[in-house]
PDB file of N, CA and C in Angstrom:
ATOM      1  N   MET A   1     108.938  74.479  94.007  1.00  0.00           N
ATOM      2  CA  MET A   1     109.501  74.586  92.683  1.00  0.00           C
ATOM      3  C   MET A   1     108.397  74.672  91.616  1.00  0.00           C
ATOM      4  N   ASN A   2     107.970  75.736  91.387  1.00  0.00           N
ATOM      5  CA  ASN A   2     107.071  75.729  90.311  1.00  0.00           C
ATOM      6  C   ASN A   2     107.839  75.447  88.675  1.00  0.00           C
ATOM      7  N   THR A   3     107.268  73.597  88.561  1.00  0.00           N
ATOM      8  CA  THR A   3     108.319  73.480  87.480  1.00  0.00           C
ATOM      9  C   THR A   3     107.289  73.890  86.026  1.00  0.00           C
ATOM     10  N   ARG A   4     106.063  74.202  86.174  1.00  0.00           N
ATOM     11  CA  ARG A   4     105.493  74.787  84.915  1.00  0.00           C
ATOM     12  C   ARG A   4     106.554  76.573  84.673  1.00  0.00           C
ATOM     13  N   ASP A   5     107.170  76.895  85.190  1.00  0.00           N
ATOM     14  CA  ASP A   5     107.927  77.898  84.854  1.00  0.00           C
ATOM     15  C   ASP A   5     108.976  77.798  84.124  1.00  0.00           C
ATOM     16  N   MET A   6     109.174  76.328  84.439  1.00  0.00           N
ATOM     17  CA  MET A   6     110.704  75.939  83.726  1.00  0.00           C
ATOM     18  C   MET A   6     110.318  75.123  81.867  1.00  0.00           C
ATOM     19  N   THR A   7     108.988  75.319  82.168  1.00  0.00           N
ATOM     20  CA  THR A   7     108.321  74.373  80.804  1.00  0.00           C
ATOM     21  C   THR A   7     108.438  75.013  79.641  1.00  0.00           C
ATOM     22  N   PRO A   8     108.993  75.304  78.427  1.00  0.00           N
ATOM     23  CA  PRO A   8     108.282  76.652  77.712  1.00  0.00           C
ATOM     24  C   PRO A   8     106.348  76.117  77.160  1.00  0.00           C
ATOM     25  N   ALA A   9     105.808  77.530  76.986  1.00  0.00           N
ATOM     26  CA  ALA A   9     104.684  76.952  76.415  1.00  0.00           C
ATOM     27  C   ALA A   9     104.393  76.535  75.415  1.00  0.00           C
ATOM     28  N   ALA A  10     103.460  75.909  74.459  1.00  0.00           N
ATOM     29  CA  ALA A  10     103.408  75.475  73.069  1.00  0.00           C
ATOM     30  C   ALA A  10     102.367  76.437  72.511  1.00  0.00           C
ATOM     31  N   THR A  11     102.982  76.562  70.920  1.00  0.00           N
ATOM     32  CA  THR A  11     102.469  77.432  70.329  1.00  0.00           C
ATOM     33  C   THR A  11     101.728  76.475  69.022  1.00  0.00           C
ATOM     34  N   HIS A  12     100.686  76.337  68.405  1.00  0.00           N
ATOM     35  CA  HIS A  12      99.338  75.445  68.101  1.00  0.00           C
ATOM     36  C   HIS A  12      99.381  76.194  66.985  1.00  0.00           C
ATOM     37  N   LEU A  13      99.620  76.092  65.400  1.00  0.00           N
ATOM     38  CA  LEU A  13      99.420  76.696  64.405  1.00  0.00           C
ATOM     39  C   LEU A  13      98.411  75.315  63.804  1.00  0.00           C
ATOM     40  N   ARG A  14      97.245  76.252  63.044  1.00  0.00           N
ATOM     41  CA  ARG A  14      96.665  75.265  61.527  1.00  0.00           C
ATOM     42  C   ARG A  14      97.468  74.959  60.339  1.00  0.00           C
ATOM     43  N   LYS A  15      97.492  74.538  59.545  1.00  0.00           N
ATOM     44  CA  LYS A  15      98.367  74.259  58.638  1.00  0.00           C
ATOM     45  C   LYS A  15      97.811  75.848  57.698  1.00  0.00           C
ATOM     46  N   GLY A  16      98.996  76.296  57.406  1.00  0.00           N
ATOM     47  CA  GLY A  16      98.804  77.295  56.601  1.00  0.00           C
ATOM     48  C   GLY A  16      98.357  78.678  57.354  1.00  0.00           C
ATOM     49  N   GLU A  17      98.466  78.834  58.675  1.00  0.00           N
ATOM     50  CA  GLU A  17      98.817  80.108  59.690  1.00  0.00           C
ATOM     51  C   GLU A  17     100.092  80.315  59.626  1.00  0.00           C
ATOM     52  N   ILE A  18      99.850  81.939  60.197  1.00  0.00           N
ATOM     53  CA  ILE A  18     101.317  82.193  60.070  1.00  0.00           C
ATOM     54  C   ILE A  18     101.395  83.568  61.868  1.00  0.00           C
ATOM     55  N   LEU A  19     102.621  83.106  62.432  1.00  0.00           N
ATOM     56  CA  LEU A  19     103.035  83.885  63.530  1.00  0.00           C
ATOM     57  C   LEU A  19     103.966  84.868  62.593  1.00  0.00           C
ATOM     58  N   ARG A  20     104.011  85.744  63.679  1.00  0.00           N
ATOM     59  CA  ARG A  20     105.553  86.849  63.013  1.00  0.00           C
ATOM     60  C   ARG A  20     105.927  86.774  64.630  1.00  0.00           C
ATOM     61  N   LEU A  21     107.454  86.569  64.855  1.00  0.00           N
ATOM     62  CA  LEU A  21     108.024  86.814  65.955  1.00  0.00           C
ATOM     63  C   LEU A  21     108.942  88.302  65.964  1.00  0.00           C
ATOM     64  N   HIS A  22     108.880  88.911  66.754  1.00  0.00           N
ATOM     65  CA  HIS A  22     109.303  90.520  66.971  1.00  0.00           C
ATOM     66  C   HIS A  22     110.724  90.110  67.954  1.00  0.00           C
ATOM     67  N   ASN A  23     111.438  90.905  67.656  1.00  0.00           N
ATOM     68  CA  ASN A  23     113.070  90.729  68.354  1.00  0.00           C
ATOM     69  C   ASN A  23     113.575  89.449  68.381  1.00  0.00           C
ATOM     70  N   GLY A  24     113.270  88.133  67.600  1.00  0.00           N
ATOM     71  CA  GLY A  24     113.817  87.311  68.018  1.00  0.00           C
ATOM     72  C   GLY A  24     115.280  86.848  68.182  1.00  0.00           C
ATOM     73  N   ARG A  25     116.073  87.357  67.991  1.00  0.00           N
ATOM     74  CA  ARG A  25     117.634  86.944  67.759  1.00  0.00           C
ATOM     75  C   ARG A  25     117.838  86.627  68.895  1.00  0.00           C
ATOM     76  N   GLY A  26     118.632  85.332  68.949  1.00  0.00           N
ATOM     77  CA  GLY A  26     118.912  84.437  69.987  1.00  0.00           C
ATOM     78  C   GLY A  26     117.910  83.278  70.291  1.00  0.00           C
ATOM     79  N   GLN A  27     116.760  83.419  69.856  1.00  0.00           N
ATOM     80  CA  GLN A  27     115.728  82.547  70.583  1.00  0.00           C
ATOM     81  C   GLN A  27     115.828  81.212  69.543  1.00  0.00           C
ATOM     82  N   ARG A  28     115.290  80.239  70.122  1.00  0.00           N
ATOM     83  CA  ARG A  28     115.027  78.768  69.543  1.00  0.00           C
ATOM     84  C   ARG A  28     113.662  78.488  69.147  1.00  0.00           C
ATOM     85  N   ILE A  29     113.586  78.270  67.709  1.00  0.00           N
ATOM     86  CA  ILE A  29     111.918  77.588  67.325  1.00  0.00           C
ATOM     87  C   ILE A  29     112.305  76.326  67.110  1.00  0.00           C
ATOM     88  N   GLU A  30     111.591  75.288  68.024  1.00  0.00           N
ATOM     89  CA  GLU A  30     111.521  74.052  67.942  1.00  0.00           C
ATOM     90  C   GLU A  30     110.310  73.052  67.646  1.00  0.00           C
ATOM     91  N   SER A  31     110.086  72.604  66.461  1.00  0.00           N
ATOM     92  CA  SER A  31     108.712  71.739  66.061  1.00  0.00           C
ATOM     93  C   SER A  31     108.932  70.737  66.839  1.00  0.00           C
ATOM     94  N   VAL A  32     107.832  70.629  67.587  1.00  0.00           N
ATOM     95  CA  VAL A  32     107.224  69.773  68.384  1.00  0.00           C
ATOM     96  C   VAL A  32     106.192  68.405  67.488  1.00  0.00           C
ATOM     97  N   HIS A  33     105.415  68.999  66.671  1.00  0.00           N
ATOM     98  CA  HIS A  33     104.824  68.285  65.721  1.00  0.00           C
ATOM     99  C   HIS A  33     104.597  69.135  64.757  1.00  0.00           C
ATOM    100  N   GLY A  34     104.529  68.414  63.519  1.00  0.00           N
ATOM    101  CA  GLY A  34     104.582  68.783  61.921  1.00  0.00           C
ATOM    102  C   GLY A  34     105.412  70.175  61.766  1.00  0.00           C
ATOM    103  N   GLY A  35     105.618  70.321  60.134  1.00  0.00           N
ATOM    104  CA  GLY A  35     106.533  71.031  59.858  1.00  0.00           C
ATOM    105  C   GLY A  35     106.551  72.377  59.987  1.00  0.00           C
ATOM    106  N   LEU A  36     107.303  73.614  59.997  1.00  0.00           N
ATOM    107  CA  LEU A  36     107.412  74.616  59.484  1.00  0.00           C
ATOM    108  C   LEU A  36     108.490  75.293  58.066  1.00  0.00           C
ATOM    109  N   TRP A  37     107.834  76.802  58.219  1.00  0.00           N
ATOM    110  CA  TRP A  37     108.348  77.237  57.331  1.00  0.00           C
ATOM    111  C   TRP A  37     108.799  78.207  57.926  1.00  0.00           C
ATOM    112  N   ILE A  38     110.309  79.068  58.205  1.00  0.00           N
ATOM    113  CA  ILE A  38     110.833  80.216  59.000  1.00  0.00           C
ATOM    114  C   ILE A  38     111.103  80.645  57.875  1.00  0.00           C
ATOM    115  N   THR A  39     111.151  82.290  57.489  1.00  0.00           N
ATOM    116  CA  THR A  39     111.423  83.384  56.458  1.00  0.00           C
ATOM    117  C   THR A  39     111.952  84.467  57.332  1.00  0.00           C
ATOM    118  N   MET A  40     112.543  85.261  57.703  1.00  0.00           N
ATOM    119  CA  MET A  40     113.283  86.337  58.201  1.00  0.00           C
ATOM    120  C   MET A  40     113.756  87.568  57.619  1.00  0.00           C
ATOM    121  N   ASP A  41     113.243  88.775  57.977  1.00  0.00           N
ATOM    122  CA  ASP A  41     113.637  90.418  57.081  1.00  0.00           C
ATOM    123  C   ASP A  41     114.723  89.906  56.639  1.00  0.00           C
ATOM    124  N   ASN A  42     115.332  90.315  55.232  1.00  0.00           N
ATOM    125  CA  ASN A  42     116.503  90.706  54.783  1.00  0.00           C
ATOM    126  C   ASN A  42     117.254  90.034  54.392  1.00  0.00           C
ATOM    127  N   ASP A  43     116.846  88.605  54.636  1.00  0.00           N
ATOM    128  CA  ASP A  43     117.456  87.051  55.085  1.00  0.00           C
ATOM    129  C   ASP A  43     116.860  86.085  53.187  1.00  0.00           C
ATOM    130  N   LEU A  44     117.289  85.865  52.581  1.00  0.00           N
ATOM    131  CA  LEU A  44     117.005  85.463  51.427  1.00  0.00           C
ATOM    132  C   LEU A  44     116.615  83.497  51.923  1.00  0.00           C
ATOM    133  N   ARG A  45     116.939  83.133  52.337  1.00  0.00           N
ATOM    134  CA  ARG A  45     116.468  81.705  52.840  1.00  0.00           C
ATOM    135  C   ARG A  45     115.640  81.619  53.246  1.00  0.00           C
ATOM    136  N   ASP A  46     115.349  80.133  52.645  1.00  0.00           N
ATOM    137  CA  ASP A  46     114.034  79.564  53.419  1.00  0.00           C
ATOM    138  C   ASP A  46     114.317  78.001  54.345  1.00  0.00           C
ATOM    139  N   ILE A  47     114.060  78.449  55.824  1.00  0.00           N
ATOM    140  CA  ILE A  47     114.341  77.267  56.652  1.00  0.00           C
ATOM    141  C   ILE A  47     113.233  76.852  56.744  1.00  0.00           C
ATOM    142  N   PHE A  48     113.502  75.274  56.738  1.00  0.00           N
ATOM    143  CA  PHE A  48     112.285  74.408  56.874  1.00  0.00           C
ATOM    144  C   PHE A  48     112.508  73.226  58.103  1.00  0.00           C
ATOM    145  N   ILE A  49     111.832  73.577  58.862  1.00  0.00           N
ATOM    146  CA  ILE A  49     111.867  72.435  60.187  1.00  0.00           C
ATOM    147  C   ILE A  49     110.895  71.717  60.486  1.00  0.00           C
ATOM    148  N   GLU A  50     111.229  70.351  60.622  1.00  0.00           N
ATOM    149  CA  GLU A  50     110.637  69.047  60.503  1.00  0.00           C
ATOM    150  C   GLU A  50     110.415  68.744  61.956  1.00  0.00           C
ATOM    151  N   PRO A  51     109.431  67.643  62.495  1.00  0.00           N
ATOM    152  CA  PRO A  51     109.697  68.143  64.013  1.00  0.00           C
ATOM    153  C   PRO A  51     110.378  67.070  64.461  1.00  0.00           C
ATOM    154  N   GLY A  52     111.168  67.601  65.630  1.00  0.00           N
ATOM    155  CA  GLY A  52     112.041  66.964  66.407  1.00  0.00           C
ATOM    156  C   GLY A  52     113.577  67.860  66.100  1.00  0.00           C
ATOM    157  N   SER A  53     113.475  68.798  65.265  1.00  0.00           N
ATOM    158  CA  SER A  53     114.321  70.028  65.061  1.00  0.00           C
ATOM    159  C   SER A  53     113.689  70.858  65.388  1.00  0.00           C
ATOM    160  N   GLY A  54     115.112  72.260  64.988  1.00  0.00           N
ATOM    161  CA  GLY A  54     114.671  73.377  65.467  1.00  0.00           C
ATOM    162  C   GLY A  54     115.671  74.211  65.138  1.00  0.00           C
ATOM    163  N   PHE A  55     115.582  75.969  65.083  1.00  0.00           N
ATOM    164  CA  PHE A  55     116.286  77.078  64.241  1.00  0.00           C
ATOM    165  C   PHE A  55     116.284  78.185  65.270  1.00  0.00           C
ATOM    166  N   THR A  56     117.902  77.887  65.954  1.00  0.00           N
ATOM    167  CA  THR A  56     118.078  80.009  66.288  1.00  0.00           C
ATOM    168  C   THR A  56     117.855  80.594  65.752  1.00  0.00           C
ATOM    169  N   VAL A  57     117.073  81.639  65.619  1.00  0.00           N
ATOM    170  CA  VAL A  57     117.342  82.922  64.591  1.00  0.00           C
ATOM    171  C   VAL A  57     118.392  83.463  65.230  1.00  0.00           C
ATOM    172  N   ASP A  58     118.898  84.089  64.138  1.00  0.00           N
ATOM    173  CA  ASP A  58     120.443  84.652  63.821  1.00  0.00           C
ATOM    174  C   ASP A  58     120.505  85.986  63.547  1.00  0.00           C
ATOM    175  N   ARG A  59     119.219  86.821  63.340  1.00  0.00           N
ATOM    176  CA  ARG A  59     119.139  87.575  62.708  1.00  0.00           C
ATOM    177  C   ARG A  59     118.138  88.817  63.818  1.00  0.00           C
ATOM    178  N   SER A  60     118.058  89.971  63.948  1.00  0.00           N
ATOM    179  CA  SER A  60     117.354  90.959  64.169  1.00  0.00           C
ATOM    180  C   SER A  60     115.872  91.270  63.115  1.00  0.00           C
ATOM    181  N   GLY A  61     114.842  91.702  63.915  1.00  0.00           N
ATOM    182  CA  GLY A  61     113.968  92.191  62.561  1.00  0.00           C
ATOM    183  C   GLY A  61     112.658  91.197  62.798  1.00  0.00           C
ATOM    184  N   HIS A  62     111.900  90.822  61.870  1.00  0.00           N
ATOM    185  CA  HIS A  62     110.746  90.261  62.016  1.00  0.00           C
ATOM    186  C   HIS A  62     110.937  88.678  61.422  1.00  0.00           C
ATOM    187  N   THR A  63     110.410  87.661  62.267  1.00  0.00           N
ATOM    188  CA  THR A  63     110.760  86.681  61.852  1.00  0.00           C
ATOM    189  C   THR A  63     109.307  85.680  61.533  1.00  0.00           C
ATOM    190  N   LEU A  64     109.372  85.214  60.423  1.00  0.00           N
ATOM    191  CA  LEU A  64     107.801  84.920  60.514  1.00  0.00           C
ATOM    192  C   LEU A  64     107.907  83.364  60.490  1.00  0.00           C
ATOM    193  N   ILE A  65     107.068  82.881  60.978  1.00  0.00           N
ATOM    194  CA  ILE A  65     107.137  80.977  60.867  1.00  0.00           C
ATOM    195  C   ILE A  65     105.580  80.710  60.927  1.00  0.00           C
ATOM    196  N   SER A  66     105.753  79.711  59.639  1.00  0.00           N
ATOM    197  CA  SER A  66     104.302  79.151  58.698  1.00  0.00           C
ATOM    198  C   SER A  66     104.199  77.738  58.956  1.00  0.00           C
ATOM    199  N   ALA A  67     102.967  76.956  58.847  1.00  0.00           N
ATOM    200  CA  ALA A  67     102.665  75.837  59.269  1.00  0.00           C
ATOM    201  C   ALA A  67     102.613  75.176  58.342  1.00  0.00           C
ATOM    202  N   LEU A  68     103.379  74.452  57.915  1.00  0.00           N
ATOM    203  CA  LEU A  68     103.485  73.806  56.729  1.00  0.00           C
ATOM    204  C   LEU A  68     102.075  72.386  57.012  1.00  0.00           C
ATOM    205  N   ASP A  69     101.938  71.797  57.661  1.00  0.00           N
ATOM    206  CA  ASP A  69     101.057  71.205  58.387  1.00  0.00           C
ATOM    207  C   ASP A  69     100.573  71.683  59.431  1.00  0.00           C
ATOM    208  N   ASP A  70      99.444  70.699  60.375  1.00  0.00           N
ATOM    209  CA  ASP A  70      98.823  71.269  61.577  1.00  0.00           C
ATOM    210  C   ASP A  70     100.399  71.109  62.339  1.00  0.00           C
ATOM    211  N   SER A  71     100.430  72.059  63.125  1.00  0.00           N
ATOM    212  CA  SER A  71     101.788  72.182  63.889  1.00  0.00           C
ATOM    213  C   SER A  71     101.736  72.804  65.204  1.00  0.00           C
ATOM    214  N   THR A  72     102.525  72.195  66.555  1.00  0.00           N
ATOM    215  CA  THR A  72     102.982  72.212  67.570  1.00  0.00           C
ATOM    216  C   THR A  72     104.667  72.898  67.715  1.00  0.00           C
ATOM    217  N   PHE A  73     104.968  74.356  67.972  1.00  0.00           N
ATOM    218  CA  PHE A  73     105.894  74.389  68.740  1.00  0.00           C
ATOM    219  C   PHE A  73     106.369  75.395  69.848  1.00  0.00           C
ATOM    220  N   VAL A  74     107.335  75.090  70.592  1.00  0.00           N
ATOM    221  CA  VAL A  74     107.907  75.947  71.125  1.00  0.00           C
ATOM    222  C   VAL A  74     108.790  77.143  70.938  1.00  0.00           C
ATOM    223  N   VAL A  75     108.921  77.934  71.257  1.00  0.00           N
ATOM    224  CA  VAL A  75     110.200  79.338  71.347  1.00  0.00           C
ATOM    225  C   VAL A  75     110.684  79.058  72.914  1.00  0.00           C
ATOM    226  N   LEU A  76     112.167  78.808  72.402  1.00  0.00           N
ATOM    227  CA  LEU A  76     113.012  78.811  73.550  1.00  0.00           C
ATOM    228  C   LEU A  76     113.528  79.788  73.624  1.00  0.00           C
ATOM    229  N   GLU A  77     114.522  80.457  75.309  1.00  0.00           N
ATOM    230  CA  GLU A  77     114.714  81.780  75.025  1.00  0.00           C
ATOM    231  C   GLU A  77     116.243  81.373  75.387  1.00  0.00           C
ATOM    232  N   PRO A  78     117.096  82.325  74.867  1.00  0.00           N
ATOM    233  CA  PRO A  78     118.499  81.867  74.985  1.00  0.00           C
ATOM    234  C   PRO A  78     118.988  82.447  76.132  1.00  0.00           C
ATOM    235  N   SER A  79     120.607  81.415  76.755  1.00  0.00           N
ATOM    236  CA  SER A  79     120.741  81.536  78.313  1.00  0.00           C
ATOM    237  C   SER A  79     121.307  82.703  78.777  1.00  0.00           C
ATOM    238  N   GLU A  80     121.469  83.610  77.327  1.00  0.00           N
ATOM    239  CA  GLU A  80     121.612  85.282  77.902  1.00  0.00           C
ATOM    240  C   GLU A  80     120.901  85.985  77.211  1.00  0.00           C
ATOM    241  N   PRO A  81     119.774  85.878  77.092  1.00  0.00           N
ATOM    242  CA  PRO A  81     118.653  87.021  76.805  1.00  0.00           C
ATOM    243  C   PRO A  81     118.953  87.923  75.798  1.00  0.00           C
ATOM    244  N   PRO A  82     118.994  88.418  74.777  1.00  0.00           N
ATOM    245  CA  PRO A  82     119.111  89.640  74.017  1.00  0.00           C
ATOM    246  C   PRO A  82     118.141  91.238  74.561  1.00  0.00           C
ATOM    247  N   HIS A  83     118.570  92.365  74.704  1.00  0.00           N
ATOM    248  CA  HIS A  83     117.646  93.124  75.130  1.00  0.00           C
ATOM    249  C   HIS A  83     116.517  93.442  74.379  1.00  0.00           C
ATOM    250  N   GLY A  84     115.027  93.582  75.667  1.00  0.00           N
ATOM    251  CA  GLY A  84     113.926  93.323  74.794  1.00  0.00           C
ATOM    252  C   GLY A  84     113.454  92.553  74.371  1.00  0.00           C
ATOM    253  N   ARG A  85     112.046  91.906  74.953  1.00  0.00           N
ATOM    254  CA  ARG A  85     111.212  90.653  75.082  1.00  0.00           C
ATOM    255  C   ARG A  85     110.534  90.836  73.415  1.00  0.00           C
ATOM    256  N   TRP A  86     110.821  89.204  73.202  1.00  0.00           N
ATOM    257  CA  TRP A  86     110.146  88.882  72.356  1.00  0.00           C
ATOM    258  C   TRP A  86     108.939  88.576  72.120  1.00  0.00           C
ATOM    259  N   THR A  87     108.169  88.716  71.287  1.00  0.00           N
ATOM    260  CA  THR A  87     106.653  88.646  71.407  1.00  0.00           C
ATOM    261  C   THR A  87     106.268  87.692  70.099  1.00  0.00           C
ATOM    262  N   LEU A  88     104.915  87.302  70.394  1.00  0.00           N
ATOM    263  CA  LEU A  88     104.660  86.676  68.917  1.00  0.00           C
ATOM    264  C   LEU A  88     102.924  87.305  68.279  1.00  0.00           C
ATOM    265  N   ASP A  89     102.856  87.762  67.182  1.00  0.00           N
ATOM    266  CA  ASP A  89     101.479  88.246  66.447  1.00  0.00           C
ATOM    267  C   ASP A  89     101.202  87.088  65.616  1.00  0.00           C
ATOM    268  N   ARG A  90      99.634  86.765  65.519  1.00  0.00           N
ATOM    269  CA  ARG A  90      99.031  85.928  64.928  1.00  0.00           C
ATOM    270  C   ARG A  90      98.586  86.599  63.888  1.00  0.00           C
ATOM    271  N   LEU A  91      99.408  86.340  62.693  1.00  0.00           N
ATOM    272  CA  LEU A  91      98.890  86.770  61.087  1.00  0.00           C
ATOM    273  C   LEU A  91      97.935  86.309  60.612  1.00  0.00           C
ATOM    274  N   THR A  92      97.882  84.972  60.773  1.00  0.00           N
ATOM    275  CA  THR A  92      96.390  84.092  60.200  1.00  0.00           C
ATOM    276  C   THR A  92      95.697  83.342  60.820  1.00  0.00           C
ATOM    277  N   GLY A  93      94.451  82.842  60.239  1.00  0.00           N
ATOM    278  CA  GLY A  93      94.079  81.901  61.237  1.00  0.00           C
ATOM    279  C   GLY A  93      92.674  82.153  61.351  1.00  0.00           C
ATOM    280  N   ALA A  94      91.831  81.007  61.763  1.00  0.00           N
ATOM    281  CA  ALA A  94      90.645  80.398  61.457  1.00  0.00           C
ATOM    282  C   ALA A  94      89.701  82.245  61.547  1.00  0.00           C
ATOM    283  N   GLY A  95      88.880  82.021  60.833  1.00  0.00           N
ATOM    284  CA  GLY A  95      87.880  83.068  60.674  1.00  0.00           C
ATOM    285  C   GLY A  95      88.713  84.355  59.727  1.00  0.00           C
ATOM    286  N   HIS A  96      90.004  84.328  59.457  1.00  0.00           N
ATOM    287  CA  HIS A  96      90.277  85.695  58.971  1.00  0.00           C
ATOM    288  C   HIS A  96      90.367  85.150  57.553  1.00  0.00           C
TER     289      HIS A  96
END
């Protein structure tokens, strides 16, 4: 059995970097290290995730994941994936 396929890949962000999650409804974002700020299209909430906690995306559209500190997080698939595949786009980063 290939156990690497069972372990979600970690994503690393430097403080101030932002990623955009497409088609994220149902995905769970869990912080491994560092604080994250989550915002979503057409949603007035500001969601803050501390290390060891997470948030399940509860709406369609784009979700922005902003690093409040140097951070590491994983995106976990729901047990019954929604239609379409989610993707991450780096919006800011070194050299931008």
